[in-house]
Amino acid sequence: GWVAMSTSGDEQEEAMKEAKEMME
């Protein structure tokens, strides 16, 4: 979540994917 907040582009997408997997 921290990385997704503080980045953009591919880096943000990858971090959001990880965050959503944990949310599931």
PDB file of all heavy atoms in Angstrom:
ATOM      1  N   GLY A   1       0.815  -1.213   0.000  1.00  0.00           N
ATOM      2  CA  GLY A   1       0.000   0.000   0.000  1.00  0.00           C
ATOM      3  C   GLY A   1       0.843   1.254   0.000  1.00  0.00           C
ATOM      4  O   GLY A   1       0.552   2.223  -0.718  1.00  0.00           O
ATOM      5  N   TRP A   2       1.905   1.236   0.790  1.00  0.00           N
ATOM      6  CA  TRP A   2       2.819   2.386   0.866  1.00  0.00           C
ATOM      7  C   TRP A   2       3.498   2.620  -0.487  1.00  0.00           C
ATOM      8  O   TRP A   2       3.563   3.748  -0.968  1.00  0.00           O
ATOM      9  CB  TRP A   2       3.862   2.126   1.948  1.00  0.00           C
ATOM     10  CG  TRP A   2       4.875   3.217   2.072  1.00  0.00           C
ATOM     11  CD1 TRP A   2       6.076   3.309   1.435  1.00  0.00           C
ATOM     12  CD2 TRP A   2       4.785   4.385   2.900  1.00  0.00           C
ATOM     13  NE1 TRP A   2       6.733   4.454   1.804  1.00  0.00           N
ATOM     14  CE2 TRP A   2       5.962   5.134   2.704  1.00  0.00           C
ATOM     15  CE3 TRP A   2       3.817   4.860   3.778  1.00  0.00           C
ATOM     16  CZ2 TRP A   2       6.201   6.345   3.357  1.00  0.00           C
ATOM     17  CZ3 TRP A   2       4.066   6.063   4.427  1.00  0.00           C
ATOM     18  CH2 TRP A   2       5.241   6.795   4.213  1.00  0.00           C
ATOM     19  N   VAL A   3       3.988   1.555  -1.103  1.00  0.00           N
ATOM     20  CA  VAL A   3       4.654   1.678  -2.412  1.00  0.00           C
ATOM     21  C   VAL A   3       3.652   2.157  -3.467  1.00  0.00           C
ATOM     22  O   VAL A   3       3.961   3.040  -4.270  1.00  0.00           O
ATOM     23  CB  VAL A   3       5.307   0.338  -2.846  1.00  0.00           C
ATOM     24  CG1 VAL A   3       5.829   0.429  -4.275  1.00  0.00           C
ATOM     25  CG2 VAL A   3       6.449  -0.025  -1.901  1.00  0.00           C
ATOM     26  N   ALA A   4       2.443   1.597  -3.450  1.00  0.00           N
ATOM     27  CA  ALA A   4       1.413   2.000  -4.421  1.00  0.00           C
ATOM     28  C   ALA A   4       1.075   3.483  -4.275  1.00  0.00           C
ATOM     29  O   ALA A   4       0.875   4.187  -5.269  1.00  0.00           O
ATOM     30  CB  ALA A   4       0.156   1.155  -4.240  1.00  0.00           C
ATOM     31  N   MET A   5       1.040   3.973  -3.042  1.00  0.00           N
ATOM     32  CA  MET A   5       0.739   5.388  -2.810  1.00  0.00           C
ATOM     33  C   MET A   5       1.844   6.289  -3.354  1.00  0.00           C
ATOM     34  O   MET A   5       1.583   7.347  -3.906  1.00  0.00           O
ATOM     35  CB  MET A   5       0.586   5.654  -1.299  1.00  0.00           C
ATOM     36  CG  MET A   5       0.364   7.119  -0.960  1.00  0.00           C
ATOM     37  SD  MET A   5       0.698   7.531   0.782  1.00  0.00           S
ATOM     38  CE  MET A   5       2.503   7.494   0.834  1.00  0.00           C
ATOM     39  N   SER A   6       3.084   5.836  -3.209  1.00  0.00           N
ATOM     40  CA  SER A   6       4.205   6.743  -3.467  1.00  0.00           C
ATOM     41  C   SER A   6       4.880   6.543  -4.823  1.00  0.00           C
ATOM     42  O   SER A   6       5.929   7.120  -5.083  1.00  0.00           O
ATOM     43  CB  SER A   6       5.222   6.640  -2.324  1.00  0.00           C
ATOM     44  OG  SER A   6       5.375   5.312  -1.900  1.00  0.00           O
ATOM     45  N   THR A   7       4.289   5.721  -5.694  1.00  0.00           N
ATOM     46  CA  THR A   7       4.887   5.498  -7.006  1.00  0.00           C
ATOM     47  C   THR A   7       3.823   5.690  -8.091  1.00  0.00           C
ATOM     48  O   THR A   7       2.695   6.072  -7.802  1.00  0.00           O
ATOM     49  CB  THR A   7       5.459   4.067  -7.117  1.00  0.00           C
ATOM     50  OG1 THR A   7       4.421   3.132  -6.804  1.00  0.00           O
ATOM     51  CG2 THR A   7       6.629   3.854  -6.174  1.00  0.00           C
ATOM     52  N   SER A   8       4.214   5.398  -9.323  1.00  0.00           N
ATOM     53  CA  SER A   8       3.257   5.485 -10.437  1.00  0.00           C
ATOM     54  C   SER A   8       3.658   4.461 -11.494  1.00  0.00           C
ATOM     55  O   SER A   8       4.679   3.783 -11.355  1.00  0.00           O
ATOM     56  CB  SER A   8       3.266   6.897 -11.037  1.00  0.00           C
ATOM     57  OG  SER A   8       4.578   7.233 -11.451  1.00  0.00           O
ATOM     58  N   GLY A   9       2.827   4.349 -12.530  1.00  0.00           N
ATOM     59  CA  GLY A   9       3.160   3.463 -13.647  1.00  0.00           C
ATOM     60  C   GLY A   9       3.214   2.004 -13.250  1.00  0.00           C
ATOM     61  O   GLY A   9       2.435   1.537 -12.417  1.00  0.00           O
ATOM     62  N   ASP A  10       4.177   1.277 -13.831  1.00  0.00           N
ATOM     63  CA  ASP A  10       4.288  -0.173 -13.613  1.00  0.00           C
ATOM     64  C   ASP A  10       4.528  -0.517 -12.147  1.00  0.00           C
ATOM     65  O   ASP A  10       4.007  -1.510 -11.641  1.00  0.00           O
ATOM     66  CB  ASP A  10       5.435  -0.760 -14.460  1.00  0.00           C
ATOM     67  CG  ASP A  10       5.104  -0.734 -15.943  1.00  0.00           C
ATOM     68  OD1 ASP A  10       3.916  -0.501 -16.265  1.00  0.00           O
ATOM     69  OD2 ASP A  10       6.009  -0.914 -16.774  1.00  0.00           O
ATOM     70  N   GLU A  11       5.334   0.314 -11.487  1.00  0.00           N
ATOM     71  CA  GLU A  11       5.670   0.056 -10.076  1.00  0.00           C
ATOM     72  C   GLU A  11       4.407   0.120  -9.215  1.00  0.00           C
ATOM     73  O   GLU A  11       4.172  -0.726  -8.354  1.00  0.00           O
ATOM     74  CB  GLU A  11       6.695   1.091  -9.601  1.00  0.00           C
ATOM     75  CG  GLU A  11       7.489   0.632  -8.386  1.00  0.00           C
ATOM     76  CD  GLU A  11       8.608   1.594  -8.015  1.00  0.00           C
ATOM     77  OE1 GLU A  11       8.894   2.533  -8.783  1.00  0.00           O
ATOM     78  OE2 GLU A  11       9.185   1.381  -6.939  1.00  0.00           O
ATOM     79  N   GLN A  12       3.573   1.124  -9.494  1.00  0.00           N
ATOM     80  CA  GLN A  12       2.324   1.259  -8.749  1.00  0.00           C
ATOM     81  C   GLN A  12       1.381   0.093  -9.053  1.00  0.00           C
ATOM     82  O   GLN A  12       0.759  -0.459  -8.147  1.00  0.00           O
ATOM     83  CB  GLN A  12       1.627   2.580  -9.083  1.00  0.00           C
ATOM     84  CG  GLN A  12       0.406   2.828  -8.197  1.00  0.00           C
ATOM     85  CD  GLN A  12      -0.346   4.097  -8.542  1.00  0.00           C
ATOM     86  OE1 GLN A  12      -0.737   4.302  -9.691  1.00  0.00           O
ATOM     87  NE2 GLN A  12      -0.542   4.953  -7.554  1.00  0.00           N
ATOM     88  N   GLU A  13       1.296  -0.281 -10.331  1.00  0.00           N
ATOM     89  CA  GLU A  13       0.415  -1.397 -10.730  1.00  0.00           C
ATOM     90  C   GLU A  13       0.794  -2.687 -10.007  1.00  0.00           C
ATOM     91  O   GLU A  13      -0.063  -3.414  -9.514  1.00  0.00           O
ATOM     92  CB  GLU A  13       0.495  -1.613 -12.256  1.00  0.00           C
ATOM     93  CG  GLU A  13      -0.325  -0.635 -13.070  1.00  0.00           C
ATOM     94  CD  GLU A  13      -1.812  -0.701 -12.750  1.00  0.00           C
ATOM     95  OE1 GLU A  13      -2.354  -1.823 -12.640  1.00  0.00           O
ATOM     96  OE2 GLU A  13      -2.427   0.371 -12.561  1.00  0.00           O
ATOM     97  N   GLU A  14       2.094  -2.961  -9.961  1.00  0.00           N
ATOM     98  CA  GLU A  14       2.591  -4.175  -9.320  1.00  0.00           C
ATOM     99  C   GLU A  14       2.264  -4.170  -7.821  1.00  0.00           C
ATOM    100  O   GLU A  14       1.823  -5.173  -7.259  1.00  0.00           O
ATOM    101  CB  GLU A  14       4.110  -4.283  -9.534  1.00  0.00           C
ATOM    102  CG  GLU A  14       4.747  -5.554  -8.994  1.00  0.00           C
ATOM    103  CD  GLU A  14       4.144  -6.842  -9.560  1.00  0.00           C
ATOM    104  OE1 GLU A  14       3.773  -6.885 -10.755  1.00  0.00           O
ATOM    105  OE2 GLU A  14       4.032  -7.813  -8.783  1.00  0.00           O
ATOM    106  N   ALA A  15       2.478  -3.021  -7.194  1.00  0.00           N
ATOM    107  CA  ALA A  15       2.200  -2.897  -5.754  1.00  0.00           C
ATOM    108  C   ALA A  15       0.704  -3.041  -5.478  1.00  0.00           C
ATOM    109  O   ALA A  15       0.299  -3.685  -4.510  1.00  0.00           O
ATOM    110  CB  ALA A  15       2.714  -1.557  -5.237  1.00  0.00           C
ATOM    111  N   MET A  16      -0.130  -2.469  -6.352  1.00  0.00           N
ATOM    112  CA  MET A  16      -1.583  -2.575  -6.164  1.00  0.00           C
ATOM    113  C   MET A  16      -2.051  -4.020  -6.322  1.00  0.00           C
ATOM    114  O   MET A  16      -2.938  -4.467  -5.614  1.00  0.00           O
ATOM    115  CB  MET A  16      -2.307  -1.670  -7.162  1.00  0.00           C
ATOM    116  CG  MET A  16      -2.341  -0.222  -6.725  1.00  0.00           C
ATOM    117  SD  MET A  16      -3.114   0.844  -7.951  1.00  0.00           S
ATOM    118  CE  MET A  16      -4.793   0.232  -7.947  1.00  0.00           C
ATOM    119  N   LYS A  17      -1.423  -4.735  -7.245  1.00  0.00           N
ATOM    120  CA  LYS A  17      -1.755  -6.147  -7.444  1.00  0.00           C
ATOM    121  C   LYS A  17      -1.474  -6.935  -6.158  1.00  0.00           C
ATOM    122  O   LYS A  17      -2.294  -7.723  -5.690  1.00  0.00           O
ATOM    123  CB  LYS A  17      -0.932  -6.701  -8.610  1.00  0.00           C
ATOM    124  CG  LYS A  17      -1.220  -8.154  -8.976  1.00  0.00           C
ATOM    125  CD  LYS A  17      -0.559  -8.493 -10.315  1.00  0.00           C
ATOM    126  CE  LYS A  17      -0.600  -9.978 -10.591  1.00  0.00           C
ATOM    127  NZ  LYS A  17       0.472 -10.731  -9.928  1.00  0.00           N
ATOM    128  N   GLU A  18      -0.310  -6.687  -5.559  1.00  0.00           N
ATOM    129  CA  GLU A  18       0.058  -7.347  -4.291  1.00  0.00           C
ATOM    130  C   GLU A  18      -0.923  -6.986  -3.182  1.00  0.00           C
ATOM    131  O   GLU A  18      -1.352  -7.839  -2.402  1.00  0.00           O
ATOM    132  CB  GLU A  18       1.468  -6.915  -3.866  1.00  0.00           C
ATOM    133  CG  GLU A  18       2.587  -7.635  -4.579  1.00  0.00           C
ATOM    134  CD  GLU A  18       3.951  -7.127  -4.110  1.00  0.00           C
ATOM    135  OE1 GLU A  18       4.141  -6.972  -2.880  1.00  0.00           O
ATOM    136  OE2 GLU A  18       4.810  -6.881  -4.975  1.00  0.00           O
ATOM    137  N   ALA A  19      -1.273  -5.704  -3.114  1.00  0.00           N
ATOM    138  CA  ALA A  19      -2.183  -5.232  -2.063  1.00  0.00           C
ATOM    139  C   ALA A  19      -3.562  -5.894  -2.210  1.00  0.00           C
ATOM    140  O   ALA A  19      -4.161  -6.331  -1.225  1.00  0.00           O
ATOM    141  CB  ALA A  19      -2.315  -3.709  -2.126  1.00  0.00           C
ATOM    142  N   LYS A  20      -4.047  -5.980  -3.436  1.00  0.00           N
ATOM    143  CA  LYS A  20      -5.375  -6.567  -3.665  1.00  0.00           C
ATOM    144  C   LYS A  20      -5.387  -8.066  -3.375  1.00  0.00           C
ATOM    145  O   LYS A  20      -6.394  -8.610  -2.911  1.00  0.00           O
ATOM    146  CB  LYS A  20      -5.823  -6.283  -5.100  1.00  0.00           C
ATOM    147  CG  LYS A  20      -6.253  -4.831  -5.306  1.00  0.00           C
ATOM    148  CD  LYS A  20      -6.551  -4.531  -6.764  1.00  0.00           C
ATOM    149  CE  LYS A  20      -6.952  -3.078  -6.943  1.00  0.00           C
ATOM    150  NZ  LYS A  20      -7.143  -2.715  -8.349  1.00  0.00           N
ATOM    151  N   GLU A  21      -4.265  -8.739  -3.651  1.00  0.00           N
ATOM    152  CA  GLU A  21      -4.172 -10.176  -3.323  1.00  0.00           C
ATOM    153  C   GLU A  21      -4.315 -10.379  -1.819  1.00  0.00           C
ATOM    154  O   GLU A  21      -4.954 -11.317  -1.347  1.00  0.00           O
ATOM    155  CB  GLU A  21      -2.840 -10.746  -3.818  1.00  0.00           C
ATOM    156  CG  GLU A  21      -2.831 -11.021  -5.320  1.00  0.00           C
ATOM    157  CD  GLU A  21      -1.451 -11.370  -5.863  1.00  0.00           C
ATOM    158  OE1 GLU A  21      -0.491 -11.500  -5.050  1.00  0.00           O
ATOM    159  OE2 GLU A  21      -1.319 -11.498  -7.091  1.00  0.00           O
ATOM    160  N   MET A  22      -3.697  -9.476  -1.054  1.00  0.00           N
ATOM    161  CA  MET A  22      -3.813  -9.557   0.408  1.00  0.00           C
ATOM    162  C   MET A  22      -5.240  -9.235   0.841  1.00  0.00           C
ATOM    163  O   MET A  22      -5.785  -9.866   1.752  1.00  0.00           O
ATOM    164  CB  MET A  22      -2.829  -8.574   1.054  1.00  0.00           C
ATOM    165  CG  MET A  22      -2.663  -8.750   2.547  1.00  0.00           C
ATOM    166  SD  MET A  22      -1.870 -10.300   2.992  1.00  0.00           S
ATOM    167  CE  MET A  22      -3.084 -11.036   4.050  1.00  0.00           C
ATOM    168  N   MET A  23      -5.863  -8.273   0.171  1.00  0.00           N
ATOM    169  CA  MET A  23      -7.245  -7.910   0.495  1.00  0.00           C
ATOM    170  C   MET A  23      -8.194  -9.089   0.282  1.00  0.00           C
ATOM    171  O   MET A  23      -9.148  -9.266   1.034  1.00  0.00           O
ATOM    172  CB  MET A  23      -7.710  -6.729  -0.361  1.00  0.00           C
ATOM    173  CG  MET A  23      -7.120  -5.369   0.018  1.00  0.00           C
ATOM    174  SD  MET A  23      -7.317  -4.908   1.751  1.00  0.00           S
ATOM    175  CE  MET A  23      -9.066  -5.154   1.986  1.00  0.00           C
ATOM    176  N   GLU A  24      -7.932  -9.893  -0.740  1.00  0.00           N
ATOM    177  CA  GLU A  24      -8.779 -11.078  -1.005  1.00  0.00           C
ATOM    178  C   GLU A  24      -8.728 -12.050   0.171  1.00  0.00           C
ATOM    179  O   GLU A  24      -9.746 -12.633   0.560  1.00  0.00           O
ATOM    180  CB  GLU A  24      -8.321 -11.775  -2.293  1.00  0.00           C
ATOM    181  CG  GLU A  24      -8.744 -11.035  -3.550  1.00  0.00           C
ATOM    182  CD  GLU A  24      -8.042 -11.532  -4.803  1.00  0.00           C
ATOM    183  OE1 GLU A  24      -7.369 -12.585  -4.733  1.00  0.00           O
ATOM    184  OE2 GLU A  24      -8.178 -10.872  -5.855  1.00  0.00           O
TER     185      GLU A  24
END
